[in-house]
Amino acid sequence: MPDSGNFTAFSQSFPLIAEVTSPEDIGEELFAKAQEYLESGCLEVWLLFPEARLIFVNAGQRWLLLNSDEVVNTQRVLTGFSVAVSELLA
């Protein structure tokens, strides 16, 4: 943080960011924001789409799509963590 204490954003993202979308969100903007997170040092991004019952995960290389009958696992952060998509979106 600058010495002045004035800042608008951190220069680096958290290692894992999960964003729950709403029907008003625009898909292209969500994926662009996720790319910004990855470029600022985030290791893994989860985009949760509760209405569609889908989760997209990106650990810096490609997007994985998971349906409600699958289990999502962390790719690079929180080694060994997994949760059923249906449980996460409940």
C-alpha atoms as a PDB file:
ATOM      1  CA  MET A   1       0.000   0.000   0.000  1.00  0.00           C
ATOM      2  CA  PRO A   2       1.351   3.458  -0.769  1.00  0.00           C
ATOM      3  CA  ASP A   3       2.688   5.483   2.162  1.00  0.00           C
ATOM      4  CA  SER A   4      -0.138   7.979   1.757  1.00  0.00           C
ATOM      5  CA  GLY A   5      -2.690   5.286   2.555  1.00  0.00           C
ATOM      6  CA  ASN A   6      -4.688   6.209  -0.548  1.00  0.00           C
ATOM      7  CA  PHE A   7      -5.268   3.366  -2.957  1.00  0.00           C
ATOM      8  CA  THR A   8      -8.004   2.125  -5.246  1.00  0.00           C
ATOM      9  CA  ALA A   9      -7.018  -1.536  -5.623  1.00  0.00           C
ATOM     10  CA  PHE A  10      -4.457  -4.033  -4.477  1.00  0.00           C
ATOM     11  CA  SER A  11      -1.614  -4.572  -6.921  1.00  0.00           C
ATOM     12  CA  GLN A  12      -1.960  -8.328  -6.531  1.00  0.00           C
ATOM     13  CA  SER A  13      -4.996 -10.619  -6.343  1.00  0.00           C
ATOM     14  CA  PHE A  14      -5.764 -13.260  -3.761  1.00  0.00           C
ATOM     15  CA  PRO A  15      -4.555 -16.782  -4.715  1.00  0.00           C
ATOM     16  CA  LEU A  16      -8.111 -18.099  -5.197  1.00  0.00           C
ATOM     17  CA  ILE A  17     -11.077 -15.959  -6.229  1.00  0.00           C
ATOM     18  CA  ALA A  18     -14.613 -17.317  -6.543  1.00  0.00           C
ATOM     19  CA  GLU A  19     -17.295 -15.076  -7.984  1.00  0.00           C
ATOM     20  CA  VAL A  20     -20.990 -15.895  -7.775  1.00  0.00           C
ATOM     21  CA  THR A  21     -22.769 -14.469 -10.784  1.00  0.00           C
ATOM     22  CA  SER A  22     -26.228 -12.952 -10.959  1.00  0.00           C
ATOM     23  CA  PRO A  23     -28.678 -12.923 -13.880  1.00  0.00           C
ATOM     24  CA  GLU A  24     -27.776  -9.282 -14.524  1.00  0.00           C
ATOM     25  CA  ASP A  25     -24.078 -10.054 -15.050  1.00  0.00           C
ATOM     26  CA  ILE A  26     -22.702 -10.073 -18.588  1.00  0.00           C
ATOM     27  CA  GLY A  27     -20.705 -13.216 -19.371  1.00  0.00           C
ATOM     28  CA  GLU A  28     -18.055 -11.500 -21.451  1.00  0.00           C
ATOM     29  CA  GLU A  29     -17.373  -8.997 -18.668  1.00  0.00           C
ATOM     30  CA  LEU A  30     -17.090 -11.775 -16.066  1.00  0.00           C
ATOM     31  CA  PHE A  31     -14.538 -13.667 -18.127  1.00  0.00           C
ATOM     32  CA  ALA A  32     -12.590 -10.450 -18.806  1.00  0.00           C
ATOM     33  CA  LYS A  33     -12.521  -9.714 -15.070  1.00  0.00           C
ATOM     34  CA  ALA A  34     -11.356 -13.274 -14.386  1.00  0.00           C
ATOM     35  CA  GLN A  35      -8.512 -12.766 -16.866  1.00  0.00           C
ATOM     36  CA  GLU A  36      -7.515  -9.587 -15.006  1.00  0.00           C
ATOM     37  CA  TYR A  37      -7.423 -11.556 -11.745  1.00  0.00           C
ATOM     38  CA  LEU A  38      -5.127 -14.156 -13.322  1.00  0.00           C
ATOM     39  CA  GLU A  39      -2.863 -11.474 -14.814  1.00  0.00           C
ATOM     40  CA  SER A  40      -2.539  -9.807 -11.398  1.00  0.00           C
ATOM     41  CA  GLY A  41      -1.252 -12.982  -9.734  1.00  0.00           C
ATOM     42  CA  CYS A  42      -4.391 -14.925  -8.872  1.00  0.00           C
ATOM     43  CA  LEU A  43      -3.648 -18.632  -9.222  1.00  0.00           C
ATOM     44  CA  GLU A  44      -7.199 -19.877  -9.664  1.00  0.00           C
ATOM     45  CA  VAL A  45     -10.585 -18.340 -10.532  1.00  0.00           C
ATOM     46  CA  TRP A  46     -13.986 -19.942 -10.047  1.00  0.00           C
ATOM     47  CA  LEU A  47     -17.064 -18.447 -11.741  1.00  0.00           C
ATOM     48  CA  LEU A  48     -20.259 -19.844 -10.234  1.00  0.00           C
ATOM     49  CA  PHE A  49     -23.470 -19.663 -12.262  1.00  0.00           C
ATOM     50  CA  PRO A  50     -26.218 -20.734  -9.802  1.00  0.00           C
ATOM     51  CA  GLU A  51     -29.142 -20.345 -12.222  1.00  0.00           C
ATOM     52  CA  ALA A  52     -27.454 -22.485 -14.889  1.00  0.00           C
ATOM     53  CA  ARG A  53     -26.034 -24.860 -12.225  1.00  0.00           C
ATOM     54  CA  LEU A  54     -22.519 -24.546 -13.740  1.00  0.00           C
ATOM     55  CA  ILE A  55     -19.045 -23.665 -12.494  1.00  0.00           C
ATOM     56  CA  PHE A  56     -16.143 -22.527 -14.652  1.00  0.00           C
ATOM     57  CA  VAL A  57     -12.635 -22.946 -13.208  1.00  0.00           C
ATOM     58  CA  ASN A  58      -9.428 -21.463 -14.600  1.00  0.00           C
ATOM     59  CA  ALA A  59      -6.003 -22.071 -13.084  1.00  0.00           C
ATOM     60  CA  GLY A  60      -4.173 -20.027 -15.682  1.00  0.00           C
ATOM     61  CA  GLN A  61      -4.216 -22.338 -18.685  1.00  0.00           C
ATOM     62  CA  ARG A  62      -7.766 -23.139 -19.780  1.00  0.00           C
ATOM     63  CA  TRP A  63     -11.350 -23.083 -18.585  1.00  0.00           C
ATOM     64  CA  LEU A  64     -12.897 -26.208 -17.085  1.00  0.00           C
ATOM     65  CA  LEU A  65     -16.682 -26.488 -17.142  1.00  0.00           C
ATOM     66  CA  LEU A  66     -18.392 -28.461 -14.397  1.00  0.00           C
ATOM     67  CA  ASN A  67     -22.065 -29.454 -14.232  1.00  0.00           C
ATOM     68  CA  SER A  68     -24.193 -29.900 -11.132  1.00  0.00           C
ATOM     69  CA  ASP A  69     -23.601 -33.669 -11.043  1.00  0.00           C
ATOM     70  CA  GLU A  70     -19.798 -33.287 -10.866  1.00  0.00           C
ATOM     71  CA  VAL A  71     -17.251 -32.536  -8.151  1.00  0.00           C
ATOM     72  CA  VAL A  72     -15.078 -29.432  -8.380  1.00  0.00           C
ATOM     73  CA  ASN A  73     -11.473 -29.667  -7.147  1.00  0.00           C
ATOM     74  CA  THR A  74      -9.006 -26.900  -6.576  1.00  0.00           C
ATOM     75  CA  GLN A  75      -6.377 -26.938  -9.285  1.00  0.00           C
ATOM     76  CA  ARG A  76      -3.475 -25.033  -7.687  1.00  0.00           C
ATOM     77  CA  VAL A  77      -4.681 -23.639  -4.344  1.00  0.00           C
ATOM     78  CA  LEU A  78      -5.907 -25.530  -1.233  1.00  0.00           C
ATOM     79  CA  THR A  79      -4.506 -28.865  -2.382  1.00  0.00           C
ATOM     80  CA  GLY A  80      -6.967 -31.691  -1.877  1.00  0.00           C
ATOM     81  CA  PHE A  81     -10.081 -29.526  -1.468  1.00  0.00           C
ATOM     82  CA  SER A  82     -13.123 -30.701  -3.384  1.00  0.00           C
ATOM     83  CA  VAL A  83     -16.863 -30.153  -3.141  1.00  0.00           C
ATOM     84  CA  ALA A  84     -19.876 -31.328  -5.114  1.00  0.00           C
ATOM     85  CA  VAL A  85     -21.032 -28.628  -7.515  1.00  0.00           C
ATOM     86  CA  SER A  86     -24.647 -29.224  -6.442  1.00  0.00           C
ATOM     87  CA  GLU A  87     -23.679 -28.650  -2.801  1.00  0.00           C
ATOM     88  CA  LEU A  88     -21.719 -25.489  -3.592  1.00  0.00           C
ATOM     89  CA  LEU A  89     -24.600 -24.037  -5.589  1.00  0.00           C
ATOM     90  CA  ALA A  90     -27.312 -25.065  -3.073  1.00  0.00           C
END
